[in-house]
Structure formats: structure tokens, C-alpha cells
Amino acid sequence: VIILRVGHLRGCAYELQQHRRLALRRGVDDHTQAEVFAWPNAEKVS
């Protein structure tokens, strides 16, 4: 979650490419990733 948010804020396509795949393997599903990118307008983050 931390790495995806950093990659999103820094506009780093390489970080996002690598860590979107790794995050899925670690249990951060596509919906949660979308919420990370939508923050602070996300509605369903813990």
C-alpha cells in the first residue's frame, strides 16, 4: 500500500508496473489498489 501510493504520487510507471503485480500476490486486490490511487477520496479503506 505504501509503495503503490508513493509510485502514484511520483508518477512512476515502472514502480506501479512492478508493484501492482507484486501487491496482487501479497493480497492487495485490484479494488484496494484503486482505493489507494483515489485517496483521499477513497471510501472503503480501513
ModelCIF file with pLDDT and N, C-alpha, C, O atoms, coordinates in Angstrom:
data_MODEL
#
_entry.id   MODEL 
#
_entity.id                         1 
_entity.type                       polymer 
_entity.pdbx_number_of_molecules   1 
#
_entity_poly.entity_id                      1 
_entity_poly.type                           'polypeptide(L)' 
_entity_poly.nstd_linkage                   no 
_entity_poly.nstd_monomer                   no 
_entity_poly.pdbx_seq_one_letter_code       VIILRVGHLRGCAYELQQHRRLALRRGVDDHTQAEVFAWPNAEKVS 
_entity_poly.pdbx_seq_one_letter_code_can   VIILRVGHLRGCAYELQQHRRLALRRGVDDHTQAEVFAWPNAEKVS 
_entity_poly.pdbx_strand_id                 A 
#
loop_
_entity_poly_seq.entity_id 
_entity_poly_seq.num 
_entity_poly_seq.mon_id 
_entity_poly_seq.hetero 
1 1  VAL n 
1 2  ILE n 
1 3  ILE n 
1 4  LEU n 
1 5  ARG n 
1 6  VAL n 
1 7  GLY n 
1 8  HIS n 
1 9  LEU n 
1 10 ARG n 
1 11 GLY n 
1 12 CYS n 
1 13 ALA n 
1 14 TYR n 
1 15 GLU n 
1 16 LEU n 
1 17 GLN n 
1 18 GLN n 
1 19 HIS n 
1 20 ARG n 
1 21 ARG n 
1 22 LEU n 
1 23 ALA n 
1 24 LEU n 
1 25 ARG n 
1 26 ARG n 
1 27 GLY n 
1 28 VAL n 
1 29 ASP n 
1 30 ASP n 
1 31 HIS n 
1 32 THR n 
1 33 GLN n 
1 34 ALA n 
1 35 GLU n 
1 36 VAL n 
1 37 PHE n 
1 38 ALA n 
1 39 TRP n 
1 40 PRO n 
1 41 ASN n 
1 42 ALA n 
1 43 GLU n 
1 44 LYS n 
1 45 VAL n 
1 46 SER n 
#
_struct_asym.id          A 
_struct_asym.entity_id   1 
#
loop_
_ma_qa_metric.id 
_ma_qa_metric.mode 
_ma_qa_metric.name 
_ma_qa_metric.software_group_id 
_ma_qa_metric.type 
1 global pLDDT . pLDDT 
2 local  pLDDT . pLDDT 
#
_ma_qa_metric_global.metric_id      1 
_ma_qa_metric_global.metric_value   94.96 
_ma_qa_metric_global.model_id       1 
_ma_qa_metric_global.ordinal_id     1 
#
loop_
_ma_qa_metric_local.label_asym_id 
_ma_qa_metric_local.label_comp_id 
_ma_qa_metric_local.label_seq_id 
_ma_qa_metric_local.metric_id 
_ma_qa_metric_local.metric_value 
_ma_qa_metric_local.model_id 
_ma_qa_metric_local.ordinal_id 
A VAL 1  2 97.00 1 1  
A ILE 2  2 98.00 1 2  
A ILE 3  2 98.00 1 3  
A LEU 4  2 98.00 1 4  
A ARG 5  2 98.00 1 5  
A VAL 6  2 98.00 1 6  
A GLY 7  2 97.00 1 7  
A HIS 8  2 97.00 1 8  
A LEU 9  2 97.00 1 9  
A ARG 10 2 96.00 1 10 
A GLY 11 2 95.00 1 11 
A CYS 12 2 96.00 1 12 
A ALA 13 2 95.00 1 13 
A TYR 14 2 95.00 1 14 
A GLU 15 2 96.00 1 15 
A LEU 16 2 96.00 1 16 
A GLN 17 2 94.00 1 17 
A GLN 18 2 94.00 1 18 
A HIS 19 2 96.00 1 19 
A ARG 20 2 96.00 1 20 
A ARG 21 2 94.00 1 21 
A LEU 22 2 95.00 1 22 
A ALA 23 2 96.00 1 23 
A LEU 24 2 96.00 1 24 
A ARG 25 2 95.00 1 25 
A ARG 26 2 96.00 1 26 
A GLY 27 2 95.00 1 27 
A VAL 28 2 96.00 1 28 
A ASP 29 2 95.00 1 29 
A ASP 30 2 95.00 1 30 
A HIS 31 2 95.00 1 31 
A THR 32 2 95.00 1 32 
A GLN 33 2 96.00 1 33 
A ALA 34 2 96.00 1 34 
A GLU 35 2 96.00 1 35 
A VAL 36 2 96.00 1 36 
A PHE 37 2 96.00 1 37 
A ALA 38 2 95.00 1 38 
A TRP 39 2 94.00 1 39 
A PRO 40 2 92.00 1 40 
A ASN 41 2 92.00 1 41 
A ALA 42 2 88.00 1 42 
A GLU 43 2 84.00 1 43 
A LYS 44 2 88.00 1 44 
A VAL 45 2 91.00 1 45 
A SER 46 2 94.00 1 46 
#
loop_
_atom_site.group_PDB 
_atom_site.id 
_atom_site.type_symbol 
_atom_site.label_atom_id 
_atom_site.label_alt_id 
_atom_site.label_comp_id 
_atom_site.label_asym_id 
_atom_site.label_entity_id 
_atom_site.label_seq_id 
_atom_site.pdbx_PDB_ins_code 
_atom_site.Cartn_x 
_atom_site.Cartn_y 
_atom_site.Cartn_z 
_atom_site.occupancy 
_atom_site.B_iso_or_equiv 
_atom_site.pdbx_formal_charge 
_atom_site.auth_seq_id 
_atom_site.auth_comp_id 
_atom_site.auth_asym_id 
_atom_site.auth_atom_id 
_atom_site.pdbx_PDB_model_num 
ATOM 1   N N  . VAL A 1 1  ? 0.849   -1.201  0.000   1.00 97.00 ? 1  VAL A N  1 
ATOM 2   C CA . VAL A 1 1  ? 0.000   0.000   0.000   1.00 97.00 ? 1  VAL A CA 1 
ATOM 3   C C  . VAL A 1 1  ? 0.882   1.247   0.000   1.00 97.00 ? 1  VAL A C  1 
ATOM 4   O O  . VAL A 1 1  ? 0.613   2.197   -0.736  1.00 97.00 ? 1  VAL A O  1 
ATOM 5   N N  . ILE A 1 2  ? 1.921   1.248   0.814   1.00 98.00 ? 2  ILE A N  1 
ATOM 6   C CA . ILE A 1 2  ? 2.840   2.390   0.898   1.00 98.00 ? 2  ILE A CA 1 
ATOM 7   C C  . ILE A 1 2  ? 3.549   2.602   -0.436  1.00 98.00 ? 2  ILE A C  1 
ATOM 8   O O  . ILE A 1 2  ? 3.599   3.725   -0.938  1.00 98.00 ? 2  ILE A O  1 
ATOM 9   N N  . ILE A 1 3  ? 4.094   1.536   -1.011  1.00 98.00 ? 3  ILE A N  1 
ATOM 10  C CA . ILE A 1 3  ? 4.862   1.650   -2.253  1.00 98.00 ? 3  ILE A CA 1 
ATOM 11  C C  . ILE A 1 3  ? 3.963   2.099   -3.409  1.00 98.00 ? 3  ILE A C  1 
ATOM 12  O O  . ILE A 1 3  ? 4.361   2.939   -4.217  1.00 98.00 ? 3  ILE A O  1 
ATOM 13  N N  . LEU A 1 4  ? 2.764   1.546   -3.487  1.00 98.00 ? 4  LEU A N  1 
ATOM 14  C CA . LEU A 1 4  ? 1.846   1.947   -4.557  1.00 98.00 ? 4  LEU A CA 1 
ATOM 15  C C  . LEU A 1 4  ? 1.485   3.424   -4.450  1.00 98.00 ? 4  LEU A C  1 
ATOM 16  O O  . LEU A 1 4  ? 1.403   4.124   -5.459  1.00 98.00 ? 4  LEU A O  1 
ATOM 17  N N  . ARG A 1 5  ? 1.272   3.888   -3.230  1.00 98.00 ? 5  ARG A N  1 
ATOM 18  C CA . ARG A 1 5  ? 0.924   5.300   -3.060  1.00 98.00 ? 5  ARG A CA 1 
ATOM 19  C C  . ARG A 1 5  ? 2.090   6.203   -3.462  1.00 98.00 ? 5  ARG A C  1 
ATOM 20  O O  . ARG A 1 5  ? 1.885   7.230   -4.108  1.00 98.00 ? 5  ARG A O  1 
ATOM 21  N N  . VAL A 1 6  ? 3.310   5.823   -3.082  1.00 98.00 ? 6  VAL A N  1 
ATOM 22  C CA . VAL A 1 6  ? 4.479   6.604   -3.470  1.00 98.00 ? 6  VAL A CA 1 
ATOM 23  C C  . VAL A 1 6  ? 4.618   6.624   -4.991  1.00 98.00 ? 6  VAL A C  1 
ATOM 24  O O  . VAL A 1 6  ? 4.825   7.681   -5.587  1.00 98.00 ? 6  VAL A O  1 
ATOM 25  N N  . GLY A 1 7  ? 4.502   5.447   -5.615  1.00 97.00 ? 7  GLY A N  1 
ATOM 26  C CA . GLY A 1 7  ? 4.622   5.379   -7.065  1.00 97.00 ? 7  GLY A CA 1 
ATOM 27  C C  . GLY A 1 7  ? 3.580   6.217   -7.772  1.00 97.00 ? 7  GLY A C  1 
ATOM 28  O O  . GLY A 1 7  ? 3.858   6.845   -8.794  1.00 97.00 ? 7  GLY A O  1 
ATOM 29  N N  . HIS A 1 8  ? 2.361   6.224   -7.210  1.00 97.00 ? 8  HIS A N  1 
ATOM 30  C CA . HIS A 1 8  ? 1.279   7.021   -7.791  1.00 97.00 ? 8  HIS A CA 1 
ATOM 31  C C  . HIS A 1 8  ? 1.575   8.512   -7.657  1.00 97.00 ? 8  HIS A C  1 
ATOM 32  O O  . HIS A 1 8  ? 1.433   9.263   -8.623  1.00 97.00 ? 8  HIS A O  1 
ATOM 33  N N  . LEU A 1 9  ? 1.984   8.941   -6.469  1.00 97.00 ? 9  LEU A N  1 
ATOM 34  C CA . LEU A 1 9  ? 2.264   10.354  -6.247  1.00 97.00 ? 9  LEU A CA 1 
ATOM 35  C C  . LEU A 1 9  ? 3.434   10.842  -7.096  1.00 97.00 ? 9  LEU A C  1 
ATOM 36  O O  . LEU A 1 9  ? 3.447   11.988  -7.546  1.00 97.00 ? 9  LEU A O  1 
ATOM 37  N N  . ARG A 1 10 ? 4.407   9.976   -7.312  1.00 96.00 ? 10 ARG A N  1 
ATOM 38  C CA . ARG A 1 10 ? 5.603   10.376  -8.066  1.00 96.00 ? 10 ARG A CA 1 
ATOM 39  C C  . ARG A 1 10 ? 5.446   10.130  -9.569  1.00 96.00 ? 10 ARG A C  1 
ATOM 40  O O  . ARG A 1 10 ? 6.368   10.404  -10.337 1.00 96.00 ? 10 ARG A O  1 
ATOM 41  N N  . GLY A 1 11 ? 4.296   9.620   -9.992  1.00 95.00 ? 11 GLY A N  1 
ATOM 42  C CA . GLY A 1 11 ? 4.077   9.387   -11.412 1.00 95.00 ? 11 GLY A CA 1 
ATOM 43  C C  . GLY A 1 11 ? 5.070   8.414   -12.011 1.00 95.00 ? 11 GLY A C  1 
ATOM 44  O O  . GLY A 1 11 ? 5.535   8.606   -13.135 1.00 95.00 ? 11 GLY A O  1 
ATOM 45  N N  . CYS A 1 12 ? 5.400   7.354   -11.255 1.00 96.00 ? 12 CYS A N  1 
ATOM 46  C CA . CYS A 1 12 ? 6.433   6.409   -11.677 1.00 96.00 ? 12 CYS A CA 1 
ATOM 47  C C  . CYS A 1 12 ? 5.786   5.146   -12.237 1.00 96.00 ? 12 CYS A C  1 
ATOM 48  O O  . CYS A 1 12 ? 5.372   4.263   -11.485 1.00 96.00 ? 12 CYS A O  1 
ATOM 49  N N  . ALA A 1 13 ? 5.705   5.071   -13.555 1.00 95.00 ? 13 ALA A N  1 
ATOM 50  C CA . ALA A 1 13 ? 5.048   3.933   -14.200 1.00 95.00 ? 13 ALA A CA 1 
ATOM 51  C C  . ALA A 1 13 ? 5.779   2.627   -13.908 1.00 95.00 ? 13 ALA A C  1 
ATOM 52  O O  . ALA A 1 13 ? 5.143   1.582   -13.771 1.00 95.00 ? 13 ALA A O  1 
ATOM 53  N N  . TYR A 1 14 ? 7.117   2.674   -13.811 1.00 95.00 ? 14 TYR A N  1 
ATOM 54  C CA . TYR A 1 14 ? 7.870   1.445   -13.562 1.00 95.00 ? 14 TYR A CA 1 
ATOM 55  C C  . TYR A 1 14 ? 7.542   0.872   -12.186 1.00 95.00 ? 14 TYR A C  1 
ATOM 56  O O  . TYR A 1 14 ? 7.283   -0.325  -12.056 1.00 95.00 ? 14 TYR A O  1 
ATOM 57  N N  . GLU A 1 15 ? 7.551   1.714   -11.170 1.00 96.00 ? 15 GLU A N  1 
ATOM 58  C CA . GLU A 1 15 ? 7.202   1.227   -9.828  1.00 96.00 ? 15 GLU A CA 1 
ATOM 59  C C  . GLU A 1 15 ? 5.794   0.643   -9.820  1.00 96.00 ? 15 GLU A C  1 
ATOM 60  O O  . GLU A 1 15 ? 5.557   -0.408  -9.226  1.00 96.00 ? 15 GLU A O  1 
ATOM 61  N N  . LEU A 1 16 ? 4.869   1.320   -10.474 1.00 96.00 ? 16 LEU A N  1 
ATOM 62  C CA . LEU A 1 16 ? 3.487   0.833   -10.469 1.00 96.00 ? 16 LEU A CA 1 
ATOM 63  C C  . LEU A 1 16 ? 3.365   -0.470  -11.231 1.00 96.00 ? 16 LEU A C  1 
ATOM 64  O O  . LEU A 1 16 ? 2.625   -1.359  -10.808 1.00 96.00 ? 16 LEU A O  1 
ATOM 65  N N  . GLN A 1 17 ? 4.075   -0.608  -12.352 1.00 94.00 ? 17 GLN A N  1 
ATOM 66  C CA . GLN A 1 17 ? 4.016   -1.860  -13.094 1.00 94.00 ? 17 GLN A CA 1 
ATOM 67  C C  . GLN A 1 17 ? 4.493   -3.025  -12.232 1.00 94.00 ? 17 GLN A C  1 
ATOM 68  O O  . GLN A 1 17 ? 3.840   -4.068  -12.169 1.00 94.00 ? 17 GLN A O  1 
ATOM 69  N N  . GLN A 1 18 ? 5.626   -2.843  -11.573 1.00 94.00 ? 18 GLN A N  1 
ATOM 70  C CA . GLN A 1 18 ? 6.178   -3.921  -10.760 1.00 94.00 ? 18 GLN A CA 1 
ATOM 71  C C  . GLN A 1 18 ? 5.305   -4.222  -9.547  1.00 94.00 ? 18 GLN A C  1 
ATOM 72  O O  . GLN A 1 18 ? 5.022   -5.383  -9.249  1.00 94.00 ? 18 GLN A O  1 
ATOM 73  N N  . HIS A 1 19 ? 4.885   -3.182  -8.858  1.00 96.00 ? 19 HIS A N  1 
ATOM 74  C CA . HIS A 1 19 ? 4.256   -3.410  -7.560  1.00 96.00 ? 19 HIS A CA 1 
ATOM 75  C C  . HIS A 1 19 ? 2.751   -3.633  -7.645  1.00 96.00 ? 19 HIS A C  1 
ATOM 76  O O  . HIS A 1 19 ? 2.161   -4.116  -6.679  1.00 96.00 ? 19 HIS A O  1 
ATOM 77  N N  . ARG A 1 20 ? 2.118   -3.307  -8.743  1.00 96.00 ? 20 ARG A N  1 
ATOM 78  C CA . ARG A 1 20 ? 0.728   -3.729  -8.899  1.00 96.00 ? 20 ARG A CA 1 
ATOM 79  C C  . ARG A 1 20 ? 0.659   -5.243  -8.978  1.00 96.00 ? 20 ARG A C  1 
ATOM 80  O O  . ARG A 1 20 ? -0.255  -5.855  -8.425  1.00 96.00 ? 20 ARG A O  1 
ATOM 81  N N  . ARG A 1 21 ? 1.618   -5.848  -9.660  1.00 94.00 ? 21 ARG A N  1 
ATOM 82  C CA . ARG A 1 21 ? 1.650   -7.316  -9.755  1.00 94.00 ? 21 ARG A CA 1 
ATOM 83  C C  . ARG A 1 21 ? 2.035   -7.936  -8.422  1.00 94.00 ? 21 ARG A C  1 
ATOM 84  O O  . ARG A 1 21 ? 1.405   -8.892  -7.970  1.00 94.00 ? 21 ARG A O  1 
ATOM 85  N N  . LEU A 1 22 ? 3.071   -7.389  -7.792  1.00 95.00 ? 22 LEU A N  1 
ATOM 86  C CA . LEU A 1 22 ? 3.509   -7.950  -6.512  1.00 95.00 ? 22 LEU A CA 1 
ATOM 87  C C  . LEU A 1 22 ? 2.433   -7.758  -5.446  1.00 95.00 ? 22 LEU A C  1 
ATOM 88  O O  . LEU A 1 22 ? 2.227   -8.646  -4.619  1.00 95.00 ? 22 LEU A O  1 
ATOM 89  N N  . ALA A 1 23 ? 1.750   -6.628  -5.450  1.00 96.00 ? 23 ALA A N  1 
ATOM 90  C CA . ALA A 1 23 ? 0.694   -6.372  -4.465  1.00 96.00 ? 23 ALA A CA 1 
ATOM 91  C C  . ALA A 1 23 ? -0.434  -7.389  -4.593  1.00 96.00 ? 23 ALA A C  1 
ATOM 92  O O  . ALA A 1 23 ? -0.986  -7.830  -3.585  1.00 96.00 ? 23 ALA A O  1 
ATOM 93  N N  . LEU A 1 24 ? -0.778  -7.761  -5.814  1.00 96.00 ? 24 LEU A N  1 
ATOM 94  C CA . LEU A 1 24 ? -1.824  -8.780  -6.001  1.00 96.00 ? 24 LEU A CA 1 
ATOM 95  C C  . LEU A 1 24 ? -1.403  -10.095 -5.354  1.00 96.00 ? 24 LEU A C  1 
ATOM 96  O O  . LEU A 1 24 ? -2.215  -10.759 -4.711  1.00 96.00 ? 24 LEU A O  1 
ATOM 97  N N  . ARG A 1 25 ? -0.148  -10.470 -5.521  1.00 95.00 ? 25 ARG A N  1 
ATOM 98  C CA . ARG A 1 25 ? 0.336   -11.718 -4.921  1.00 95.00 ? 25 ARG A CA 1 
ATOM 99  C C  . ARG A 1 25 ? 0.371   -11.631 -3.401  1.00 95.00 ? 25 ARG A C  1 
ATOM 100 O O  . ARG A 1 25 ? 0.311   -12.652 -2.716  1.00 95.00 ? 25 ARG A O  1 
ATOM 101 N N  . ARG A 1 26 ? 0.469   -10.420 -2.876  1.00 96.00 ? 26 ARG A N  1 
ATOM 102 C CA . ARG A 1 26 ? 0.536   -10.242 -1.427  1.00 96.00 ? 26 ARG A CA 1 
ATOM 103 C C  . ARG A 1 26 ? -0.823  -9.909  -0.811  1.00 96.00 ? 26 ARG A C  1 
ATOM 104 O O  . ARG A 1 26 ? -0.897  -9.576  0.372   1.00 96.00 ? 26 ARG A O  1 
ATOM 105 N N  . GLY A 1 27 ? -1.883  -9.995  -1.588  1.00 95.00 ? 27 GLY A N  1 
ATOM 106 C CA . GLY A 1 27 ? -3.226  -9.845  -1.030  1.00 95.00 ? 27 GLY A CA 1 
ATOM 107 C C  . GLY A 1 27 ? -3.837  -8.463  -1.144  1.00 95.00 ? 27 GLY A C  1 
ATOM 108 O O  . GLY A 1 27 ? -4.877  -8.205  -0.538  1.00 95.00 ? 27 GLY A O  1 
ATOM 109 N N  . VAL A 1 28 ? -3.217  -7.560  -1.908  1.00 96.00 ? 28 VAL A N  1 
ATOM 110 C CA . VAL A 1 28 ? -3.803  -6.237  -2.131  1.00 96.00 ? 28 VAL A CA 1 
ATOM 111 C C  . VAL A 1 28 ? -4.509  -6.300  -3.483  1.00 96.00 ? 28 VAL A C  1 
ATOM 112 O O  . VAL A 1 28 ? -3.870  -6.163  -4.527  1.00 96.00 ? 28 VAL A O  1 
ATOM 113 N N  . ASP A 1 29 ? -5.817  -6.506  -3.465  1.00 95.00 ? 29 ASP A N  1 
ATOM 114 C CA . ASP A 1 29 ? -6.543  -6.760  -4.709  1.00 95.00 ? 29 ASP A CA 1 
ATOM 115 C C  . ASP A 1 29 ? -6.733  -5.479  -5.528  1.00 95.00 ? 29 ASP A C  1 
ATOM 116 O O  . ASP A 1 29 ? -6.370  -4.386  -5.093  1.00 95.00 ? 29 ASP A O  1 
ATOM 117 N N  . ASP A 1 30 ? -7.306  -5.639  -6.713  1.00 95.00 ? 30 ASP A N  1 
ATOM 118 C CA . ASP A 1 30 ? -7.466  -4.503  -7.626  1.00 95.00 ? 30 ASP A CA 1 
ATOM 119 C C  . ASP A 1 30 ? -8.335  -3.407  -7.023  1.00 95.00 ? 30 ASP A C  1 
ATOM 120 O O  . ASP A 1 30 ? -8.074  -2.223  -7.233  1.00 95.00 ? 30 ASP A O  1 
ATOM 121 N N  . HIS A 1 31 ? -9.371  -3.794  -6.271  1.00 95.00 ? 31 HIS A N  1 
ATOM 122 C CA . HIS A 1 31 ? -10.241 -2.788  -5.673  1.00 95.00 ? 31 HIS A CA 1 
ATOM 123 C C  . HIS A 1 31 ? -9.473  -1.956  -4.643  1.00 95.00 ? 31 HIS A C  1 
ATOM 124 O O  . HIS A 1 31 ? -9.591  -0.731  -4.617  1.00 95.00 ? 31 HIS A O  1 
ATOM 125 N N  . THR A 1 32 ? -8.692  -2.620  -3.801  1.00 95.00 ? 32 THR A N  1 
ATOM 126 C CA . THR A 1 32 ? -7.911  -1.894  -2.797  1.00 95.00 ? 32 THR A CA 1 
ATOM 127 C C  . THR A 1 32 ? -6.877  -0.998  -3.469  1.00 95.00 ? 32 THR A C  1 
ATOM 128 O O  . THR A 1 32 ? -6.643  0.126   -3.025  1.00 95.00 ? 32 THR A O  1 
ATOM 129 N N  . GLN A 1 33 ? -6.263  -1.490  -4.532  1.00 96.00 ? 33 GLN A N  1 
ATOM 130 C CA . GLN A 1 33 ? -5.303  -0.658  -5.253  1.00 96.00 ? 33 GLN A CA 1 
ATOM 131 C C  . GLN A 1 33 ? -5.975  0.596   -5.811  1.00 96.00 ? 33 GLN A C  1 
ATOM 132 O O  . GLN A 1 33 ? -5.410  1.688   -5.751  1.00 96.00 ? 33 GLN A O  1 
ATOM 133 N N  . ALA A 1 34 ? -7.171  0.438   -6.348  1.00 96.00 ? 34 ALA A N  1 
ATOM 134 C CA . ALA A 1 34 ? -7.898  1.605   -6.868  1.00 96.00 ? 34 ALA A CA 1 
ATOM 135 C C  . ALA A 1 34 ? -8.191  2.601   -5.754  1.00 96.00 ? 34 ALA A C  1 
ATOM 136 O O  . ALA A 1 34 ? -8.148  3.811   -5.976  1.00 96.00 ? 34 ALA A O  1 
ATOM 137 N N  . GLU A 1 35 ? -8.488  2.101   -4.560  1.00 96.00 ? 35 GLU A N  1 
ATOM 138 C CA . GLU A 1 35 ? -8.738  2.986   -3.424  1.00 96.00 ? 35 GLU A CA 1 
ATOM 139 C C  . GLU A 1 35 ? -7.460  3.725   -3.016  1.00 96.00 ? 35 GLU A C  1 
ATOM 140 O O  . GLU A 1 35 ? -7.507  4.896   -2.640  1.00 96.00 ? 35 GLU A O  1 
ATOM 141 N N  . VAL A 1 36 ? -6.331  3.039   -3.093  1.00 96.00 ? 36 VAL A N  1 
ATOM 142 C CA . VAL A 1 36 ? -5.048  3.678   -2.788  1.00 96.00 ? 36 VAL A CA 1 
ATOM 143 C C  . VAL A 1 36 ? -4.794  4.840   -3.747  1.00 96.00 ? 36 VAL A C  1 
ATOM 144 O O  . VAL A 1 36 ? -4.340  5.907   -3.334  1.00 96.00 ? 36 VAL A O  1 
ATOM 145 N N  . PHE A 1 37 ? -5.087  4.629   -5.014  1.00 96.00 ? 37 PHE A N  1 
ATOM 146 C CA . PHE A 1 37 ? -4.855  5.679   -6.013  1.00 96.00 ? 37 PHE A CA 1 
ATOM 147 C C  . PHE A 1 37 ? -5.873  6.814   -5.878  1.00 96.00 ? 37 PHE A C  1 
ATOM 148 O O  . PHE A 1 37 ? -5.560  7.966   -6.181  1.00 96.00 ? 37 PHE A O  1 
ATOM 149 N N  . ALA A 1 38 ? -7.087  6.497   -5.424  1.00 95.00 ? 38 ALA A N  1 
ATOM 150 C CA . ALA A 1 38 ? -8.133  7.512   -5.308  1.00 95.00 ? 38 ALA A CA 1 
ATOM 151 C C  . ALA A 1 38 ? -8.026  8.338   -4.030  1.00 95.00 ? 38 ALA A C  1 
ATOM 152 O O  . ALA A 1 38 ? -8.649  9.395   -3.926  1.00 95.00 ? 38 ALA A O  1 
ATOM 153 N N  . TRP A 1 39 ? -7.248  7.875   -3.063  1.00 94.00 ? 39 TRP A N  1 
ATOM 154 C CA . TRP A 1 39 ? -7.100  8.595   -1.802  1.00 94.00 ? 39 TRP A CA 1 
ATOM 155 C C  . TRP A 1 39 ? -6.739  10.059  -2.071  1.00 94.00 ? 39 TRP A C  1 
ATOM 156 O O  . TRP A 1 39 ? -5.932  10.322  -2.963  1.00 94.00 ? 39 TRP A O  1 
ATOM 157 N N  . PRO A 1 40 ? -7.301  11.014  -1.338  1.00 92.00 ? 40 PRO A N  1 
ATOM 158 C CA . PRO A 1 40 ? -8.137  10.918  -0.129  1.00 92.00 ? 40 PRO A CA 1 
ATOM 159 C C  . PRO A 1 40 ? -9.643  10.832  -0.407  1.00 92.00 ? 40 PRO A C  1 
ATOM 160 O O  . PRO A 1 40 ? -10.449 11.003  0.507   1.00 92.00 ? 40 PRO A O  1 
ATOM 161 N N  . ASN A 1 41 ? -10.020 10.571  -1.646  1.00 92.00 ? 41 ASN A N  1 
ATOM 162 C CA . ASN A 1 41 ? -11.438 10.426  -1.974  1.00 92.00 ? 41 ASN A CA 1 
ATOM 163 C C  . ASN A 1 41 ? -11.904 8.983   -1.937  1.00 92.00 ? 41 ASN A C  1 
ATOM 164 O O  . ASN A 1 41 ? -13.010 8.668   -2.377  1.00 92.00 ? 41 ASN A O  1 
ATOM 165 N N  . ALA A 1 42 ? -11.058 8.104   -1.412  1.00 88.00 ? 42 ALA A N  1 
ATOM 166 C CA . ALA A 1 42 ? -11.433 6.692   -1.293  1.00 88.00 ? 42 ALA A CA 1 
ATOM 167 C C  . ALA A 1 42 ? -12.476 6.519   -0.196  1.00 88.00 ? 42 ALA A C  1 
ATOM 168 O O  . ALA A 1 42 ? -12.494 7.263   0.785   1.00 88.00 ? 42 ALA A O  1 
ATOM 169 N N  . GLU A 1 43 ? -13.336 5.534   -0.377  1.00 84.00 ? 43 GLU A N  1 
ATOM 170 C CA . GLU A 1 43 ? -14.451 5.336   0.564   1.00 84.00 ? 43 GLU A CA 1 
ATOM 171 C C  . GLU A 1 43 ? -14.312 4.077   1.405   1.00 84.00 ? 43 GLU A C  1 
ATOM 172 O O  . GLU A 1 43 ? -14.910 3.986   2.477   1.00 84.00 ? 43 GLU A O  1 
ATOM 173 N N  . LYS A 1 44 ? -13.536 3.106   0.942   1.00 88.00 ? 44 LYS A N  1 
ATOM 174 C CA . LYS A 1 44 ? -13.554 1.812   1.614   1.00 88.00 ? 44 LYS A CA 1 
ATOM 175 C C  . LYS A 1 44 ? -12.175 1.371   2.071   1.00 88.00 ? 44 LYS A C  1 
ATOM 176 O O  . LYS A 1 44 ? -11.847 0.185   2.015   1.00 88.00 ? 44 LYS A O  1 
ATOM 177 N N  . VAL A 1 45 ? -11.373 2.313   2.519   1.00 91.00 ? 45 VAL A N  1 
ATOM 178 C CA . VAL A 1 45 ? -10.095 1.935   3.112   1.00 91.00 ? 45 VAL A CA 1 
ATOM 179 C C  . VAL A 1 45 ? -10.276 1.778   4.616   1.00 91.00 ? 45 VAL A C  1 
ATOM 180 O O  . VAL A 1 45 ? -11.125 2.431   5.223   1.00 91.00 ? 45 VAL A O  1 
ATOM 181 N N  . SER A 1 46 ? -9.474  0.909   5.204   1.00 94.00 ? 46 SER A N  1 
ATOM 182 C CA . SER A 1 46 ? -9.561  0.684   6.647   1.00 94.00 ? 46 SER A CA 1 
ATOM 183 C C  . SER A 1 46 ? -8.930  1.856   7.391   1.00 94.00 ? 46 SER A C  1 
ATOM 184 O O  . SER A 1 46 ? -8.900  1.862   8.622   1.00 94.00 ? 46 SER A O  1 
#
